[in-house]
Amino acid sequence: MKTLSDYREQKLPPSPSQNDTDEYKNVQIDRTASEFDEPLVDLAGYGIRTDPFYSRTDGLNQPVGRPFPFSLTHVYARRSVAHKLTEVNKLLRPYGMQVVVLDGFRTIAVQEALWTWMLERGRKLLPLASQNELTAFALRYATDPSTFKIEDAATWPTHATGGAVDLTLEETATGKPAYMGGIYLDSSMVSSIRYYEDAGLSESASHREALRNRRLLFWCMTEAGFVNYAFEWWHFDYLTQASIMNLGMPPGLKAHYGLANAGMAPAAEREGSGAK
């Protein structure tokens, strides 16, 4: 693992060319990989801070502001993802930070609710948009689950693999959220990982803080083997089809994770998952 003198000062690399989340469907999966049948685990059991975003009932999960049906009350991911996140926390320790995982393995039911919400969001922001334009808007921030088939890898949302995580940073000692310059699920360009690199804003204190925190999250996650989705500062993949997409689709590179077996989640949380 290479060493960077200061993750907060290391500029982010140019983002690979991609249009939306749909390009992952062309990536093949290596079903012989050791990680392919890896179980889902509860991240909290690995000492990782979690805050299950889609099951919150206090209205503080803005911009959604409500729980989604069949949302999980714990955050699950593949076992190797859990180990990798503990590596990330070790890298963050000198900065007094740790990750807070908002979402990992996602049921198809929650993916459907998110897709519907994202389309509704698009209608509010783009009232004159055509249906095709609304779909294109939503695809930038979510995968369309309407064609989901268990037997078809081209229809598997990346969060259904258990290899994707949505996360942010917080101060380890106080639990104070790190300022990231934008909230989770903000469907605007401010959510792009490079927004503060490219915006050309004045060097305000808030601009500098967001820039450095995004760099810190990006480089620590990258050092541990995760791959960022350029339109979302919070989204990272490990060994998924989307991770290959987000690397720019290198020829011959295959994903290791397919659809996760939801059997590791408590029975009450598995209902409606569509991923069994």
Protein backbone atom coordinates (compact mmCIF):
# COMPACT_ATOMS: atom_id res chain seq x y z
CA MET A 1 0.00 0.00 0.00
CA LYS A 2 1.47 3.33 -1.01
CA THR A 3 1.82 6.12 1.51
CA LEU A 4 0.57 9.65 0.95
CA SER A 5 2.06 12.36 3.14
CA ASP A 6 -1.33 13.93 3.79
CA TYR A 7 -4.55 12.58 2.35
CA ARG A 8 -6.27 15.93 2.89
CA GLU A 9 -3.87 17.77 0.61
CA GLN A 10 -3.67 15.19 -2.20
CA LYS A 11 -5.71 16.38 -5.19
CA LEU A 12 -8.37 14.05 -6.55
CA PRO A 13 -7.71 12.40 -9.91
CA PRO A 14 -9.79 13.16 -13.01
CA SER A 15 -13.04 11.21 -13.08
CA PRO A 16 -13.44 8.46 -15.71
CA SER A 17 -15.89 9.12 -18.52
CA GLN A 18 -19.33 7.67 -17.76
CA ASN A 19 -22.92 8.73 -18.27
CA ASP A 20 -24.95 7.01 -15.57
CA THR A 21 -25.23 3.92 -13.38
CA ASP A 22 -26.48 1.71 -16.22
CA GLU A 23 -23.08 0.98 -17.80
CA TYR A 24 -22.22 -1.64 -15.20
CA LYS A 25 -24.50 -4.21 -16.88
CA ASN A 26 -21.81 -4.92 -19.49
CA VAL A 27 -19.31 -6.10 -16.84
CA GLN A 28 -18.86 -9.85 -16.44
CA ILE A 29 -18.67 -11.55 -13.05
CA ASP A 30 -16.02 -14.12 -12.13
CA ARG A 31 -18.12 -16.74 -10.37
CA THR A 32 -14.98 -18.73 -9.50
CA ALA A 33 -13.58 -15.87 -7.39
CA SER A 34 -13.17 -16.68 -3.71
CA GLU A 35 -15.33 -13.69 -2.78
CA PHE A 36 -18.28 -14.70 -4.97
CA ASP A 37 -20.12 -16.71 -2.28
CA GLU A 38 -18.93 -14.61 0.63
CA PRO A 39 -21.61 -14.02 3.30
CA LEU A 40 -23.18 -10.75 4.33
CA VAL A 41 -22.21 -9.53 7.81
CA ASP A 42 -23.50 -6.85 10.15
CA LEU A 43 -20.94 -4.04 9.97
CA ALA A 44 -21.63 -2.99 13.56
CA GLY A 45 -20.20 -6.35 14.65
CA TYR A 46 -16.85 -5.25 13.21
CA GLY A 47 -16.72 -2.05 15.25
CA ILE A 48 -17.83 0.10 12.32
CA ARG A 49 -20.21 2.98 13.01
CA THR A 50 -23.47 2.63 11.13
CA ASP A 51 -26.55 4.84 10.75
CA PRO A 52 -29.14 2.94 8.66
CA PHE A 53 -30.45 5.81 6.56
CA TYR A 54 -33.50 4.26 4.95
CA SER A 55 -35.03 2.91 8.17
CA ARG A 56 -34.94 6.17 10.15
CA THR A 57 -38.34 7.18 11.56
CA ASP A 58 -37.35 10.55 13.09
CA GLY A 59 -37.54 12.49 9.81
CA LEU A 60 -33.86 13.43 10.05
CA ASN A 61 -32.85 11.39 7.00
CA GLN A 62 -33.27 14.35 4.68
CA PRO A 63 -33.87 14.84 1.78
CA VAL A 64 -36.06 11.70 2.00
CA GLY A 65 -37.44 12.46 5.46
CA ARG A 66 -39.14 9.09 6.04
CA PRO A 67 -38.40 5.37 6.21
CA PHE A 68 -38.74 3.21 3.09
CA PRO A 69 -40.75 -0.04 3.20
CA PHE A 70 -38.66 -3.15 3.97
CA SER A 71 -35.65 -1.02 4.92
CA LEU A 72 -33.08 -2.77 7.10
CA THR A 73 -32.44 -1.66 10.66
CA HIS A 74 -28.83 -2.83 10.47
CA VAL A 75 -26.24 -2.18 7.75
CA TYR A 76 -24.92 -5.31 6.07
CA ALA A 77 -22.09 -5.83 3.57
CA ARG A 78 -19.86 -8.65 2.38
CA ARG A 79 -17.31 -9.90 4.88
CA SER A 80 -14.31 -8.60 2.92
CA VAL A 81 -15.98 -5.18 2.72
CA ALA A 82 -16.22 -5.15 6.52
CA HIS A 83 -12.50 -5.99 6.82
CA LYS A 84 -11.64 -3.29 4.29
CA LEU A 85 -13.63 -0.70 6.22
CA THR A 86 -11.66 -1.52 9.37
CA GLU A 87 -8.52 -0.78 7.31
CA VAL A 88 -10.03 2.55 6.30
CA ASN A 89 -10.64 3.44 9.94
CA LYS A 90 -6.99 2.70 10.73
CA LEU A 91 -5.97 5.12 7.97
CA LEU A 92 -8.37 7.72 9.36
CA ARG A 93 -7.21 7.36 12.96
CA PRO A 94 -4.36 9.93 12.75
CA TYR A 95 -6.92 12.48 11.54
CA GLY A 96 -9.29 11.82 14.43
CA MET A 97 -11.94 10.53 12.03
CA GLN A 98 -13.88 7.35 11.34
CA VAL A 99 -16.42 6.27 8.75
CA VAL A 100 -20.18 6.18 9.32
CA VAL A 101 -21.87 3.77 6.92
CA LEU A 102 -25.36 4.90 5.91
CA ASP A 103 -26.22 2.00 3.62
CA GLY A 104 -24.71 -1.23 2.36
CA PHE A 105 -26.65 -4.26 1.17
CA ARG A 106 -29.99 -2.95 -0.08
CA THR A 107 -33.13 -4.98 -0.67
CA ILE A 108 -34.81 -4.76 -4.06
CA ALA A 109 -37.87 -3.34 -2.32
CA VAL A 110 -35.81 -0.43 -0.97
CA GLN A 111 -34.18 0.01 -4.38
CA GLU A 112 -37.65 0.31 -5.90
CA ALA A 113 -38.65 2.90 -3.29
CA LEU A 114 -35.46 4.88 -3.91
CA TRP A 115 -35.97 4.78 -7.69
CA THR A 116 -39.55 6.04 -7.31
CA TRP A 117 -38.38 8.79 -4.96
CA MET A 118 -35.61 9.82 -7.36
CA LEU A 119 -38.08 10.11 -10.25
CA GLU A 120 -40.36 12.23 -8.06
CA ARG A 121 -37.39 14.37 -7.17
CA GLY A 122 -36.65 14.82 -10.84
CA ARG A 123 -40.22 15.93 -11.57
CA LYS A 124 -39.91 18.66 -8.92
CA LEU A 125 -36.52 19.87 -10.11
CA LEU A 126 -37.24 19.48 -13.84
CA PRO A 127 -40.98 20.11 -14.26
CA LEU A 128 -40.75 20.38 -18.07
CA ALA A 129 -38.61 17.26 -18.54
CA SER A 130 -39.73 14.36 -20.73
CA GLN A 131 -39.93 10.84 -19.32
CA ASN A 132 -36.63 9.99 -20.99
CA GLU A 133 -35.01 13.05 -19.41
CA LEU A 134 -36.40 12.10 -15.99
CA THR A 135 -35.03 8.59 -16.38
CA ALA A 136 -31.62 9.96 -17.35
CA PHE A 137 -31.69 12.23 -14.28
CA ALA A 138 -32.56 9.35 -11.96
CA LEU A 139 -29.97 7.02 -13.48
CA ARG A 140 -27.22 9.37 -12.44
CA TYR A 141 -28.02 8.69 -8.79
CA ALA A 142 -29.76 5.29 -8.70
CA THR A 143 -30.20 2.02 -10.57
CA ASP A 144 -33.58 1.26 -12.16
CA PRO A 145 -34.78 -2.03 -10.55
CA SER A 146 -37.88 -2.40 -12.75
CA THR A 147 -36.27 -5.12 -14.90
CA PHE A 148 -34.68 -7.00 -11.98
CA LYS A 149 -34.34 -10.74 -12.49
CA ILE A 150 -32.46 -13.01 -10.11
CA GLU A 151 -30.99 -14.98 -13.02
CA ASP A 152 -29.82 -11.91 -15.00
CA ALA A 153 -26.63 -10.20 -13.78
CA ALA A 154 -27.30 -7.23 -16.07
CA THR A 155 -30.26 -6.29 -13.86
CA TRP A 156 -28.62 -6.47 -10.43
CA PRO A 157 -28.35 -3.12 -8.60
CA THR A 158 -24.87 -2.67 -7.14
CA HIS A 159 -26.17 -2.34 -3.58
CA ALA A 160 -27.89 -5.73 -3.95
CA THR A 161 -24.43 -7.31 -4.20
CA GLY A 162 -23.35 -6.31 -0.70
CA GLY A 163 -20.16 -4.87 -2.20
CA ALA A 164 -21.30 -1.23 -2.26
CA VAL A 165 -21.40 1.19 0.65
CA ASP A 166 -22.67 4.74 1.12
CA LEU A 167 -20.79 6.49 3.90
CA THR A 168 -19.49 9.69 5.40
CA LEU A 169 -17.02 10.79 8.08
CA GLU A 170 -17.34 11.84 11.69
CA GLU A 171 -14.98 12.93 14.46
CA THR A 172 -14.10 9.83 16.48
CA ALA A 173 -13.91 11.57 19.86
CA THR A 174 -17.09 13.64 19.62
CA GLY A 175 -19.26 11.92 17.00
CA LYS A 176 -19.57 15.26 15.24
CA PRO A 177 -20.30 14.81 11.51
CA ALA A 178 -17.52 15.98 9.22
CA TYR A 179 -18.49 18.81 6.89
CA MET A 180 -18.63 17.28 3.39
CA GLY A 181 -20.07 20.28 1.55
CA GLY A 182 -23.29 18.50 0.62
CA ILE A 183 -25.74 16.01 2.10
CA TYR A 184 -26.31 12.38 1.21
CA LEU A 185 -28.67 11.97 -1.78
CA ASP A 186 -28.43 15.60 -2.85
CA SER A 187 -29.26 15.12 -6.53
CA SER A 188 -27.16 17.98 -7.87
CA MET A 189 -23.62 18.52 -9.09
CA VAL A 190 -22.51 19.46 -5.57
CA SER A 191 -22.59 15.70 -4.88
CA SER A 192 -19.86 14.99 -7.44
CA ILE A 193 -16.66 13.95 -5.68
CA ARG A 194 -14.68 16.61 -7.58
CA TYR A 195 -17.17 19.46 -7.13
CA TYR A 196 -14.89 21.48 -4.85
CA GLU A 197 -11.87 20.62 -6.97
CA ASP A 198 -13.48 22.03 -10.12
CA ALA A 199 -15.93 24.68 -8.95
CA GLY A 200 -13.42 27.53 -8.86
CA LEU A 201 -15.01 28.99 -5.75
CA SER A 202 -13.31 31.51 -3.52
CA GLU A 203 -11.09 29.95 -0.88
CA SER A 204 -13.63 30.21 1.93
CA ALA A 205 -13.19 28.20 5.12
CA SER A 206 -16.22 26.01 4.32
CA HIS A 207 -14.97 25.36 0.78
CA ARG A 208 -11.56 24.34 2.11
CA GLU A 209 -13.08 22.09 4.80
CA ALA A 210 -15.32 20.26 2.32
CA LEU A 211 -12.46 19.89 -0.15
CA ARG A 212 -10.12 18.38 2.43
CA ASN A 213 -12.74 16.04 3.93
CA ARG A 214 -13.74 14.70 0.52
CA ARG A 215 -10.09 14.11 -0.30
CA LEU A 216 -9.59 12.36 3.02
CA LEU A 217 -12.54 10.02 2.47
CA PHE A 218 -11.62 9.34 -1.16
CA TRP A 219 -7.95 8.54 -0.58
CA CYS A 220 -8.48 6.39 2.51
CA MET A 221 -11.17 4.38 0.75
CA THR A 222 -9.06 4.08 -2.40
CA GLU A 223 -6.02 2.95 -0.42
CA ALA A 224 -8.12 0.11 0.99
CA GLY A 225 -9.23 -1.00 -2.48
CA PHE A 226 -12.60 0.72 -2.88
CA VAL A 227 -13.62 2.57 -6.06
CA ASN A 228 -15.66 5.78 -5.97
CA TYR A 229 -18.65 6.62 -8.16
CA ALA A 230 -17.75 10.08 -9.44
CA PHE A 231 -21.25 11.60 -9.21
CA GLU A 232 -21.58 10.72 -5.50
CA TRP A 233 -18.90 11.58 -2.95
CA TRP A 234 -20.44 9.05 -0.54
CA HIS A 235 -20.63 5.93 -2.77
CA PHE A 236 -17.84 3.35 -2.99
CA ASP A 237 -17.71 -0.16 -4.45
CA TYR A 238 -15.46 -3.12 -3.81
CA LEU A 239 -15.21 -5.93 -6.39
CA THR A 240 -18.65 -5.18 -7.90
CA GLN A 241 -19.68 -4.68 -11.51
CA ALA A 242 -20.02 -0.98 -10.69
CA SER A 243 -16.44 -0.84 -9.42
CA ILE A 244 -15.25 -1.94 -12.87
CA MET A 245 -17.50 0.67 -14.47
CA ASN A 246 -16.13 3.34 -12.18
CA LEU A 247 -12.57 2.38 -13.14
CA GLY A 248 -13.43 3.19 -16.74
CA MET A 249 -14.26 -0.38 -17.89
CA PRO A 250 -10.69 -1.77 -18.28
CA PRO A 251 -10.79 -4.64 -20.82
CA GLY A 252 -10.81 -8.11 -19.28
CA LEU A 253 -11.38 -6.97 -15.69
CA LYS A 254 -14.25 -8.84 -14.02
CA ALA A 255 -16.31 -8.29 -10.89
CA HIS A 256 -16.14 -10.79 -8.02
CA TYR A 257 -19.47 -10.07 -6.33
CA GLY A 258 -22.82 -11.00 -7.78
CA LEU A 259 -26.20 -10.87 -6.08
CA ALA A 260 -25.84 -11.29 -2.32
CA ASN A 261 -27.57 -14.03 -0.39
CA ALA A 262 -29.84 -12.17 2.02
CA GLY A 263 -29.94 -15.17 4.35
CA MET A 264 -27.46 -13.52 6.74
CA ALA A 265 -29.99 -10.82 7.62
CA PRO A 266 -32.55 -11.51 10.37
CA ALA A 267 -35.73 -13.14 8.99
CA ALA A 268 -37.84 -10.08 9.84
CA GLU A 269 -35.52 -7.95 7.69
CA ARG A 270 -35.35 -10.34 4.74
CA GLU A 271 -39.01 -10.02 3.81
CA GLY A 272 -39.42 -8.37 0.44
CA SER A 273 -35.69 -8.38 -0.31
CA GLY A 274 -36.01 -10.05 -3.72
CA ALA A 275 -32.43 -11.25 -3.28
CA LYS A 276 -32.61 -14.68 -1.67
